[in-house]
Protein backbone atom coordinates (compact mmCIF):
# COMPACT_ATOMS: atom_id res chain seq x y z
CA UNK A 1 0.00 0.00 0.00
CA UNK A 2 1.37 3.38 -1.00
CA UNK A 3 1.46 5.88 1.82
CA UNK A 4 -0.73 9.01 1.58
CA UNK A 5 2.36 11.22 1.68
CA UNK A 6 3.76 9.57 -1.46
CA UNK A 7 0.44 9.92 -3.25
CA UNK A 8 0.30 13.59 -2.37
CA UNK A 9 3.85 14.11 -3.62
CA UNK A 10 2.98 12.55 -6.96
CA UNK A 11 -0.05 14.83 -7.12
CA UNK A 12 2.13 17.91 -6.78
CA UNK A 13 4.36 16.66 -9.60
CA UNK A 14 1.40 16.03 -11.91
CA UNK A 15 -0.22 19.42 -11.31
CA UNK A 16 2.76 21.73 -10.92
CA UNK A 17 1.63 23.80 -13.92
CA UNK A 18 -2.12 23.34 -13.55
CA UNK A 19 -4.46 26.28 -13.48
CA UNK A 20 -7.67 26.52 -11.49
CA UNK A 21 -10.70 28.80 -11.49
CA UNK A 22 -10.61 31.63 -8.95
CA UNK A 23 -12.16 31.25 -5.52
CA UNK A 24 -15.88 31.86 -5.49
CA UNK A 25 -17.12 34.85 -3.52
CA UNK A 26 -20.58 33.68 -2.50
CA UNK A 27 -22.91 35.88 -0.45
CA UNK A 28 -25.12 34.09 2.06
CA UNK A 29 -28.53 35.15 3.29
CA UNK A 30 -27.24 35.39 6.85
CA UNK A 31 -24.27 36.89 8.66
CA UNK A 32 -22.52 35.43 11.72
CA UNK A 33 -23.32 37.46 14.87
CA UNK A 34 -19.66 38.05 15.71
CA UNK A 35 -17.08 40.65 14.84
CA UNK A 36 -14.78 40.01 11.91
CA UNK A 37 -11.45 39.51 13.64
CA UNK A 38 -8.13 38.19 12.46
CA UNK A 39 -8.40 34.41 12.21
CA UNK A 40 -6.82 32.34 14.94
CA UNK A 41 -3.90 30.20 13.85
CA UNK A 42 -4.89 26.70 12.79
CA UNK A 43 -3.01 23.82 14.39
CA UNK A 44 -3.18 20.69 12.25
CA UNK A 45 -1.92 18.56 15.17
CA UNK A 46 -4.64 19.86 17.49
CA UNK A 47 -4.76 16.64 19.51
CA UNK A 48 -1.44 17.53 21.15
CA UNK A 49 -3.39 19.99 23.29
CA UNK A 50 -4.58 16.97 25.32
CA UNK A 51 -0.96 16.27 26.34
CA UNK A 52 -1.34 12.51 25.92
CA UNK A 53 1.72 10.67 24.61
CA UNK A 54 -0.26 7.47 24.10
CA UNK A 55 -2.80 9.33 21.98
CA UNK A 56 -0.05 10.96 19.92
CA UNK A 57 1.45 7.56 19.21
CA UNK A 58 -1.73 5.81 18.09
CA UNK A 59 -2.77 8.80 15.98
CA UNK A 60 0.52 8.63 14.14
CA UNK A 61 -0.17 4.96 13.49
CA UNK A 62 -3.76 5.59 12.38
CA UNK A 63 -2.86 8.38 9.97
CA UNK A 64 -0.21 6.24 8.32
CA UNK A 65 -2.05 2.89 8.20
CA UNK A 66 -5.78 3.54 7.94
CA UNK A 67 -7.03 2.25 4.60
CA UNK A 68 -9.94 4.67 4.29
CA UNK A 69 -7.51 7.57 4.47
CA UNK A 70 -5.33 5.90 1.84
CA UNK A 71 -8.38 5.71 -0.43
CA UNK A 72 -8.95 9.46 0.00
CA UNK A 73 -5.31 10.08 -0.91
CA UNK A 74 -5.64 7.83 -3.97
CA UNK A 75 -8.65 9.88 -5.06
CA UNK A 76 -6.36 12.92 -5.20
CA UNK A 77 -3.96 11.14 -7.53
CA UNK A 78 -6.86 10.03 -9.73
CA UNK A 79 -8.24 13.58 -9.87
CA UNK A 80 -4.76 14.94 -10.60
CA UNK A 81 -4.37 12.51 -13.49
CA UNK A 82 -7.79 13.56 -14.77
CA UNK A 83 -6.71 17.21 -14.63
CA UNK A 84 -3.60 16.29 -16.60
CA UNK A 85 -5.75 14.57 -19.22
CA UNK A 86 -8.13 17.53 -19.43
CA UNK A 87 -5.23 19.94 -20.02
CA UNK A 88 -3.50 17.83 -22.68
CA UNK A 89 -5.57 19.14 -25.67
CA UNK A 90 -4.22 22.64 -25.04
CA UNK A 91 -0.86 21.49 -26.39
CA UNK A 92 -0.01 20.26 -29.90
CA UNK A 93 -0.34 16.51 -30.31
CA UNK A 94 2.77 15.01 -31.94
CA UNK A 95 3.13 11.43 -33.09
CA UNK A 96 5.64 9.54 -35.20
CA UNK A 97 5.21 6.64 -37.55
CA UNK A 98 7.46 4.25 -39.42
CA UNK A 99 5.86 2.18 -42.17
CA UNK A 100 7.09 -0.36 -44.66
CA UNK A 101 5.31 -2.34 -47.33
CA UNK A 102 6.13 -4.86 -50.05
CA UNK A 103 3.69 -6.13 -52.69
CA UNK A 104 3.79 -8.27 -55.79
CA UNK A 105 1.49 -7.96 -58.83
CA UNK A 106 0.91 -10.46 -61.69
CA UNK A 107 0.09 -9.38 -65.26
CA UNK A 108 -2.21 -12.00 -66.77
CA UNK A 109 -3.73 -11.77 -70.25
CA UNK A 110 -1.45 -9.04 -71.55
CA UNK A 111 0.33 -9.92 -74.84
CA UNK A 112 3.83 -8.99 -73.84
CA UNK A 113 6.51 -9.96 -76.38
CA UNK A 114 9.23 -12.31 -75.17
CA UNK A 115 7.23 -13.61 -72.26
CA UNK A 116 7.13 -17.10 -73.83
CA UNK A 117 3.68 -17.62 -72.35
CA UNK A 118 4.87 -17.12 -68.72
CA UNK A 119 3.03 -14.87 -66.24
CA UNK A 120 4.90 -11.66 -65.73
CA UNK A 121 5.02 -10.06 -62.25
CA UNK A 122 6.48 -7.04 -60.51
CA UNK A 123 7.50 -6.48 -56.88
CA UNK A 124 7.29 -3.06 -55.20
CA UNK A 125 8.96 -2.06 -51.91
CA UNK A 126 8.33 1.25 -50.12
CA UNK A 127 9.30 2.73 -46.76
CA UNK A 128 8.01 5.85 -45.00
CA UNK A 129 9.04 7.86 -41.93
CA UNK A 130 6.85 10.74 -40.72
CA UNK A 131 6.04 13.04 -37.82
CA UNK A 132 2.36 14.03 -37.52
CA UNK A 133 1.20 17.17 -35.72
CA UNK A 134 -2.34 18.16 -34.79
CA UNK A 135 -3.49 21.14 -32.70
CA UNK A 136 -6.85 22.65 -31.89
CA UNK A 137 -6.62 26.40 -31.38
CA UNK A 138 -8.31 27.36 -28.13
CA UNK A 139 -9.60 30.68 -29.45
CA UNK A 140 -12.74 30.74 -27.29
CA UNK A 141 -11.25 29.18 -24.14
CA UNK A 142 -13.29 25.97 -24.25
CA UNK A 143 -10.32 23.71 -23.58
CA UNK A 144 -9.03 26.01 -20.84
CA UNK A 145 -12.43 25.92 -19.15
CA UNK A 146 -12.50 22.12 -19.24
CA UNK A 147 -9.03 22.01 -17.74
CA UNK A 148 -9.99 24.53 -15.04
CA UNK A 149 -13.00 22.40 -14.10
CA UNK A 150 -10.81 19.31 -13.75
CA UNK A 151 -8.24 21.17 -11.65
CA UNK A 152 -11.00 22.47 -9.35
CA UNK A 153 -12.27 18.90 -8.94
CA UNK A 154 -8.75 17.83 -7.99
CA UNK A 155 -8.59 20.61 -5.40
CA UNK A 156 -11.92 19.42 -4.04
CA UNK A 157 -10.43 15.93 -3.70
CA UNK A 158 -7.51 17.46 -1.81
CA UNK A 159 -9.95 19.15 0.57
CA UNK A 160 -11.79 15.84 0.96
CA UNK A 161 -8.51 14.22 1.98
CA UNK A 162 -7.91 16.89 4.61
CA UNK A 163 -11.45 16.35 5.85
CA UNK A 164 -10.98 12.58 5.97
CA UNK A 165 -7.76 13.04 7.92
CA UNK A 166 -9.47 15.39 10.35
CA UNK A 167 -12.41 13.03 10.77
CA UNK A 168 -10.15 10.03 11.36
CA UNK A 169 -8.14 11.90 13.98
CA UNK A 170 -11.34 12.93 15.74
CA UNK A 171 -12.68 9.37 15.71
CA UNK A 172 -9.46 7.99 17.15
CA UNK A 173 -9.41 10.65 19.89
CA UNK A 174 -13.02 10.00 20.83
CA UNK A 175 -12.64 6.23 20.94
CA UNK A 176 -9.34 6.53 22.84
CA UNK A 177 -11.00 8.66 25.52
CA UNK A 178 -14.07 6.43 25.48
CA UNK A 179 -11.80 3.44 26.15
CA UNK A 180 -10.28 5.28 29.13
CA UNK A 181 -13.74 6.20 30.44
CA UNK A 182 -14.93 2.62 29.92
CA UNK A 183 -11.89 1.36 31.81
CA UNK A 184 -12.66 3.69 34.73
CA UNK A 185 -16.32 2.60 34.66
CA UNK A 186 -15.17 -1.02 34.81
CA UNK A 187 -12.94 -0.26 37.78
CA UNK A 188 -15.83 1.51 39.48
CA UNK A 189 -18.09 -1.48 38.83
CA UNK A 190 -15.48 -3.78 40.35
CA UNK A 191 -15.23 -1.52 43.40
CA UNK A 192 -19.02 -1.55 43.67
CA UNK A 193 -19.11 -5.35 43.71
CA UNK A 194 -16.40 -5.45 46.37
CA UNK A 195 -18.16 -2.84 48.51
CA UNK A 196 -21.55 -4.56 48.35
CA UNK A 197 -19.93 -7.91 49.03
CA UNK A 198 -18.59 -6.49 52.29
CA UNK A 199 -21.95 -4.90 52.99
CA UNK A 200 -23.69 -8.24 52.54
CA UNK A 201 -21.28 -9.91 54.97
CA UNK A 202 -22.06 -7.26 57.60
CA UNK A 203 -25.81 -7.67 57.02
CA UNK A 204 -25.57 -11.45 57.39
CA UNK A 205 -23.59 -11.06 60.61
CA UNK A 206 -26.16 -8.63 62.03
CA UNK A 207 -28.98 -10.97 60.96
CA UNK A 208 -27.32 -13.94 62.64
CA UNK A 209 -26.93 -11.80 65.75
CA UNK A 210 -30.60 -10.90 65.67
CA UNK A 211 -29.94 -7.23 65.02
CA UNK A 212 -31.79 -7.05 61.67
CA UNK A 213 -34.39 -8.88 59.64
CA UNK A 214 -34.23 -11.14 56.60
CA UNK A 215 -35.44 -8.20 54.47
CA UNK A 216 -32.03 -6.57 54.77
CA UNK A 217 -30.34 -9.83 53.76
CA UNK A 218 -32.50 -10.19 50.65
CA UNK A 219 -31.96 -6.55 49.68
CA UNK A 220 -28.20 -6.89 50.05
CA UNK A 221 -28.17 -10.09 47.96
CA UNK A 222 -30.26 -8.42 45.25
CA UNK A 223 -27.99 -5.39 45.06
CA UNK A 224 -24.87 -7.55 44.95
CA UNK A 225 -26.32 -9.55 42.03
CA UNK A 226 -27.20 -6.34 40.18
CA UNK A 227 -23.67 -5.06 40.71
CA UNK A 228 -22.25 -8.30 39.32
CA UNK A 229 -24.49 -8.04 36.26
CA UNK A 230 -23.39 -4.44 35.73
CA UNK A 231 -19.75 -5.54 36.05
CA UNK A 232 -20.23 -8.10 33.25
CA UNK A 233 -21.84 -5.45 31.02
CA UNK A 234 -19.00 -3.03 31.73
CA UNK A 235 -16.44 -5.66 30.74
CA UNK A 236 -18.19 -6.20 27.42
CA UNK A 237 -18.43 -2.46 26.77
CA UNK A 238 -14.73 -2.02 27.53
CA UNK A 239 -13.65 -4.81 25.20
CA UNK A 240 -15.95 -3.56 22.42
CA UNK A 241 -14.46 -0.07 22.67
CA UNK A 242 -10.94 -1.47 22.44
CA UNK A 243 -11.88 -3.44 19.32
CA UNK A 244 -13.33 -0.32 17.77
CA UNK A 245 -10.08 1.51 18.42
CA UNK A 246 -7.99 -1.32 16.99
CA UNK A 247 -10.16 -1.33 13.86
CA UNK A 248 -9.42 2.36 13.29
CA UNK A 249 -5.72 1.53 13.56
CA UNK A 250 -6.16 -1.34 11.08
CA UNK A 251 -5.08 -3.85 13.69
CA UNK A 252 -6.75 -7.16 14.35
CA UNK A 253 -9.61 -6.44 16.81
CA UNK A 254 -8.36 -8.52 19.73
CA UNK A 255 -9.18 -6.04 22.53
CA UNK A 256 -5.56 -6.07 23.67
CA UNK A 257 -4.78 -2.36 23.77
CA UNK A 258 -4.13 -0.62 27.07
CA UNK A 259 -5.60 2.91 27.34
CA UNK A 260 -4.50 5.43 29.94
CA UNK A 261 -5.82 5.22 33.49
CA UNK A 262 -7.38 8.70 33.74
CA UNK A 263 -9.06 11.11 31.36
CA UNK A 264 -6.99 14.21 30.53
CA UNK A 265 -7.94 17.61 31.90
CA UNK A 266 -8.78 20.37 29.43
CA UNK A 267 -6.58 23.35 30.17
CA UNK A 268 -6.62 25.41 26.95
CA UNK A 269 -9.02 28.31 26.65
CA UNK A 270 -11.05 29.02 23.52
CA UNK A 271 -10.08 32.23 21.69
CA UNK A 272 -12.82 34.55 20.54
CA UNK A 273 -13.89 35.35 17.00
CA UNK A 274 -13.73 31.83 15.60
CA UNK A 275 -17.14 31.70 13.89
CA UNK A 276 -16.45 34.66 11.61
CA UNK A 277 -13.51 32.80 10.02
CA UNK A 278 -15.14 29.41 9.82
CA UNK A 279 -15.25 29.27 6.02
CA UNK A 280 -11.43 29.54 5.93
CA UNK A 281 -11.05 26.52 8.21
CA UNK A 282 -13.45 23.80 7.19
CA UNK A 283 -12.25 21.28 4.56
CA UNK A 284 -15.84 20.35 3.63
CA UNK A 285 -16.62 24.01 2.94
CA UNK A 286 -13.45 24.31 0.86
CA UNK A 287 -14.40 21.17 -1.09
CA UNK A 288 -17.92 22.49 -1.73
CA UNK A 289 -16.51 25.81 -2.97
CA UNK A 290 -14.12 24.06 -5.35
CA UNK A 291 -16.94 21.90 -6.73
CA UNK A 292 -18.97 25.05 -7.26
CA UNK A 293 -16.03 26.57 -9.15
CA UNK A 294 -15.70 23.38 -11.23
CA UNK A 295 -19.39 23.53 -12.09
CA UNK A 296 -19.02 27.14 -13.20
CA UNK A 297 -16.06 26.26 -15.42
CA UNK A 298 -18.06 23.38 -16.92
CA UNK A 299 -20.86 25.80 -17.82
CA UNK A 300 -18.32 28.03 -19.56
CA UNK A 301 -16.90 25.10 -21.49
CA UNK A 302 -20.35 23.88 -22.53
CA UNK A 303 -21.31 27.30 -23.88
CA UNK A 304 -18.08 27.63 -25.85
CA UNK A 305 -18.63 24.23 -27.42
CA UNK A 306 -21.33 25.98 -29.52
CA UNK A 307 -18.64 28.07 -31.23
CA UNK A 308 -16.51 26.97 -34.22
CA UNK A 309 -13.51 24.74 -33.64
CA UNK A 310 -10.33 25.38 -35.58
CA UNK A 311 -7.87 22.53 -36.02
CA UNK A 312 -4.46 22.52 -37.68
CA UNK A 313 -2.76 19.37 -38.92
CA UNK A 314 0.59 18.81 -40.49
CA UNK A 315 3.07 16.07 -41.24
CA UNK A 316 6.64 15.87 -42.44
CA UNK A 317 8.89 12.95 -43.24
CA UNK A 318 10.53 10.92 -46.01
CA UNK A 319 9.31 8.26 -48.39
CA UNK A 320 11.46 5.93 -50.53
CA UNK A 321 11.70 2.41 -51.86
CA UNK A 322 15.04 1.99 -50.06
CA UNK A 323 15.30 1.76 -46.30
CA UNK A 324 18.68 3.58 -46.38
CA UNK A 325 17.03 6.69 -47.89
CA UNK A 326 14.67 7.35 -44.95
CA UNK A 327 17.10 9.80 -43.35
CA UNK A 328 17.91 11.51 -46.65
CA UNK A 329 16.30 14.92 -47.02
CA UNK A 330 16.05 14.52 -50.80
CA UNK A 331 13.20 12.10 -50.27
CA UNK A 332 11.24 14.39 -47.94
CA UNK A 333 7.46 14.81 -48.09
CA UNK A 334 5.18 17.11 -46.12
CA UNK A 335 1.60 18.32 -45.82
CA UNK A 336 -0.22 21.12 -43.97
CA UNK A 337 -3.99 21.42 -43.54
CA UNK A 338 -6.49 23.39 -41.53
CA UNK A 339 -10.19 22.97 -40.97
CA UNK A 340 -13.04 24.89 -39.39
CA UNK A 341 -15.77 22.87 -37.68
CA UNK A 342 -19.04 24.62 -36.83
CA UNK A 343 -21.75 22.48 -35.21
CA UNK A 344 -25.05 23.00 -37.06
CA UNK A 345 -27.48 20.33 -35.96
CA UNK A 346 -26.95 17.60 -33.35
CA UNK A 347 -30.50 17.10 -32.14
CA UNK A 348 -30.13 19.70 -29.38
CA UNK A 349 -27.23 17.85 -27.75
CA UNK A 350 -24.95 20.85 -27.22
CA UNK A 351 -27.63 23.17 -25.85
CA UNK A 352 -28.94 20.40 -23.62
CA UNK A 353 -25.39 20.01 -22.30
CA UNK A 354 -25.35 23.72 -21.46
CA UNK A 355 -28.62 23.36 -19.57
CA UNK A 356 -27.26 20.30 -17.77
CA UNK A 357 -24.10 22.08 -16.60
CA UNK A 358 -26.13 25.10 -15.50
CA UNK A 359 -28.37 22.85 -13.41
CA UNK A 360 -25.34 21.24 -11.84
CA UNK A 361 -23.91 24.66 -11.04
CA UNK A 362 -27.18 25.65 -9.34
CA UNK A 363 -27.07 22.44 -7.29
CA UNK A 364 -23.44 23.06 -6.38
CA UNK A 365 -24.36 26.58 -5.24
CA UNK A 366 -27.09 25.29 -2.95
CA UNK A 367 -24.79 22.57 -1.65
CA UNK A 368 -22.13 25.16 -0.90
CA UNK A 369 -24.56 27.38 0.99
CA UNK A 370 -25.98 24.37 2.85
CA UNK A 371 -22.48 23.26 3.85
CA UNK A 372 -21.61 26.75 5.04
CA UNK A 373 -24.80 27.04 7.08
CA UNK A 374 -24.21 23.63 8.63
CA UNK A 375 -20.66 24.66 9.45
CA UNK A 376 -21.87 27.74 11.31
CA UNK A 377 -24.44 25.67 13.21
CA UNK A 378 -21.84 23.09 14.25
CA UNK A 379 -19.32 25.63 15.48
CA UNK A 380 -21.96 27.60 17.42
CA UNK A 381 -23.27 24.40 19.03
CA UNK A 382 -19.75 23.28 19.89
CA UNK A 383 -18.93 26.64 21.45
CA UNK A 384 -22.18 26.67 23.39
CA UNK A 385 -21.67 23.18 24.78
CA UNK A 386 -18.26 24.05 26.23
CA UNK A 387 -19.53 26.28 29.03
CA UNK A 388 -22.57 24.09 29.82
CA UNK A 389 -20.54 20.90 30.08
CA UNK A 390 -17.90 22.66 32.18
CA UNK A 391 -20.57 23.78 34.64
CA UNK A 392 -22.06 20.29 34.68
CA UNK A 393 -18.68 18.71 35.40
CA UNK A 394 -18.00 21.12 38.26
CA UNK A 395 -21.39 20.43 39.84
CA UNK A 396 -20.97 16.66 39.53
CA UNK A 397 -17.48 16.91 41.03
CA UNK A 398 -18.95 18.50 44.16
CA UNK A 399 -21.83 16.00 44.15
CA UNK A 400 -19.44 13.04 43.89
CA UNK A 401 -17.27 14.30 46.77
CA UNK A 402 -20.29 14.84 49.02
CA UNK A 403 -21.88 11.52 48.03
CA UNK A 404 -18.66 9.68 48.89
CA UNK A 405 -18.48 11.34 52.29
CA UNK A 406 -22.15 10.53 52.90
CA UNK A 407 -21.61 6.89 51.93
CA UNK A 408 -18.71 6.51 54.34
CA UNK A 409 -20.73 8.15 57.11
CA UNK A 410 -23.76 5.96 56.42
CA UNK A 411 -21.69 2.78 56.53
CA UNK A 412 -20.27 3.80 59.91
CA UNK A 413 -23.71 4.69 61.30
CA UNK A 414 -25.23 1.43 60.05
CA UNK A 415 -22.48 -0.58 61.74
CA UNK A 416 -23.32 1.30 64.95
CA UNK A 417 -27.04 0.64 64.55
CA UNK A 418 -27.94 4.32 64.13
CA UNK A 419 -29.63 3.97 60.70
CA UNK A 420 -31.44 1.19 58.90
CA UNK A 421 -30.09 -0.79 55.96
CA UNK A 422 -32.30 0.89 53.36
CA UNK A 423 -30.86 4.31 54.21
CA UNK A 424 -27.32 3.01 53.88
CA UNK A 425 -28.22 1.24 50.63
CA UNK A 426 -29.61 4.41 49.05
CA UNK A 427 -26.54 6.33 50.14
CA UNK A 428 -24.24 3.77 48.52
CA UNK A 429 -26.23 3.82 45.29
CA UNK A 430 -26.14 7.60 45.14
CA UNK A 431 -22.36 7.63 45.63
CA UNK A 432 -21.65 5.10 42.87
CA UNK A 433 -24.20 6.61 40.45
CA UNK A 434 -22.78 10.11 40.95
CA UNK A 435 -19.27 8.83 40.28
CA UNK A 436 -20.46 7.23 37.03
CA UNK A 437 -22.16 10.45 35.98
CA UNK A 438 -18.99 12.42 36.69
CA UNK A 439 -16.91 10.09 34.50
CA UNK A 440 -19.46 10.39 31.71
CA UNK A 441 -19.51 14.20 32.01
CA UNK A 442 -15.72 14.35 31.69
CA UNK A 443 -15.92 12.21 28.56
CA UNK A 444 -18.68 14.37 27.10
CA UNK A 445 -16.62 17.51 27.67
CA UNK A 446 -13.63 15.98 25.90
CA UNK A 447 -15.82 14.87 23.02
CA UNK A 448 -17.34 18.35 22.81
CA UNK A 449 -13.86 19.86 22.53
CA UNK A 450 -13.08 17.41 19.73
CA UNK A 451 -16.35 18.40 18.03
CA UNK A 452 -15.21 22.01 18.24
CA UNK A 453 -11.94 21.13 16.51
CA UNK A 454 -13.97 19.35 13.84
CA UNK A 455 -16.27 22.33 13.41
CA UNK A 456 -13.30 24.67 13.02
CA UNK A 457 -11.41 22.39 10.67
CA UNK A 458 -8.44 22.14 13.06
CA UNK A 459 -7.03 23.36 16.33
CA UNK A 460 -6.35 26.88 17.53
CA UNK A 461 -3.91 28.93 19.52
CA UNK A 462 -4.58 31.94 21.74
CA UNK A 463 -2.28 34.12 19.62
CA UNK A 464 -3.85 35.48 16.44
CA UNK A 465 -1.99 35.00 13.19
CA UNK A 466 -2.61 37.47 10.37
CA UNK A 467 -0.90 35.29 7.80
CA UNK A 468 -3.01 33.54 5.20
CA UNK A 469 -4.25 30.16 6.28
């Protein structure tokens, strides 16, 4: 399998001299409710903000081995080759030929004196060497428009590759953090089973001592069984998440990876003014704009196909009945011709093609505006979720600390006979449930930050960069 970097290098070689239509300046029916500030610098390795060496390592592996990303890179090479093909008619087409022939003819029925009744024959040998040149003059720009459309399609494929790379990195990050959260949930489930096992032993001892009833014993057994069932489900969820991660890395899904023990803490702040520069960041928006530009160039090419086509042809070479004379200028031959082709009637084919390309351009315009609107919605939602999830995590952190203290106090009071078993049981449940909710809130906040990176098309830094992105 060729690496994406090699495919991209070959693309640059194929399209070093390619031209493309200019960027489309499309006005939308809405304006972002933020000030137009200098765009924040885009960090293509945005995942390093999580400060996770294990994540950095598996992302490097995923970006180099994932087959879906390799397919996206191969699409660039295919589009680049197509752009090369589309631009070839702009240049003269030169071909060479070397021909040789030998034939024999019989003269039957001719009264030739001295033939003595035999059939006379003659043998002819000829050789030819020529260079043939053909060139269509691009007076109206039809060929240039077709080439520009193909180059824009290639640039859209490049943007698709960037988007696929961004999406893959986001998936790996999310599943990596989900594996860590699942591991912590599994550890919490194991601790719950151990805690309720001890609680059941204390209940049985108190029951045997006549200090409680059989109701407490049955309740403790029921809760221990539920905890064991939850532990089994957590094990399955953990293994399934590991297999999902290994699949993204194109490893065999054996659930053998070892994620980190704790979820990372988000420390970077979000700079302001990101929404106003969204269209400069998103690869899907860039791809939609390039497809719109390609559609516009196709319309131009279809209209110019209605105009006359002028072609020049010429050939030069030598012709002789001796092979040794092919390089002798005395035996040279040449021809020059020109023709003018004006379509007159093709059953409406050419005008229908114009209508078709115009319809495709209108669809590309709507797709571009839809992509831009969706981009704004995603970035606004991602920004909005940051503060809400941060507040939720802080509240659950306090709730988990207080629930743990209450559980410890309830267990002590129950051992002293100050409270009944049901009160202690509810306190234990609240403590474990709050801890699970806190772990899930931390994961959601990390996933929301990843969604923000996706919405922006990459990472960001606090410092603004006025250079072109």
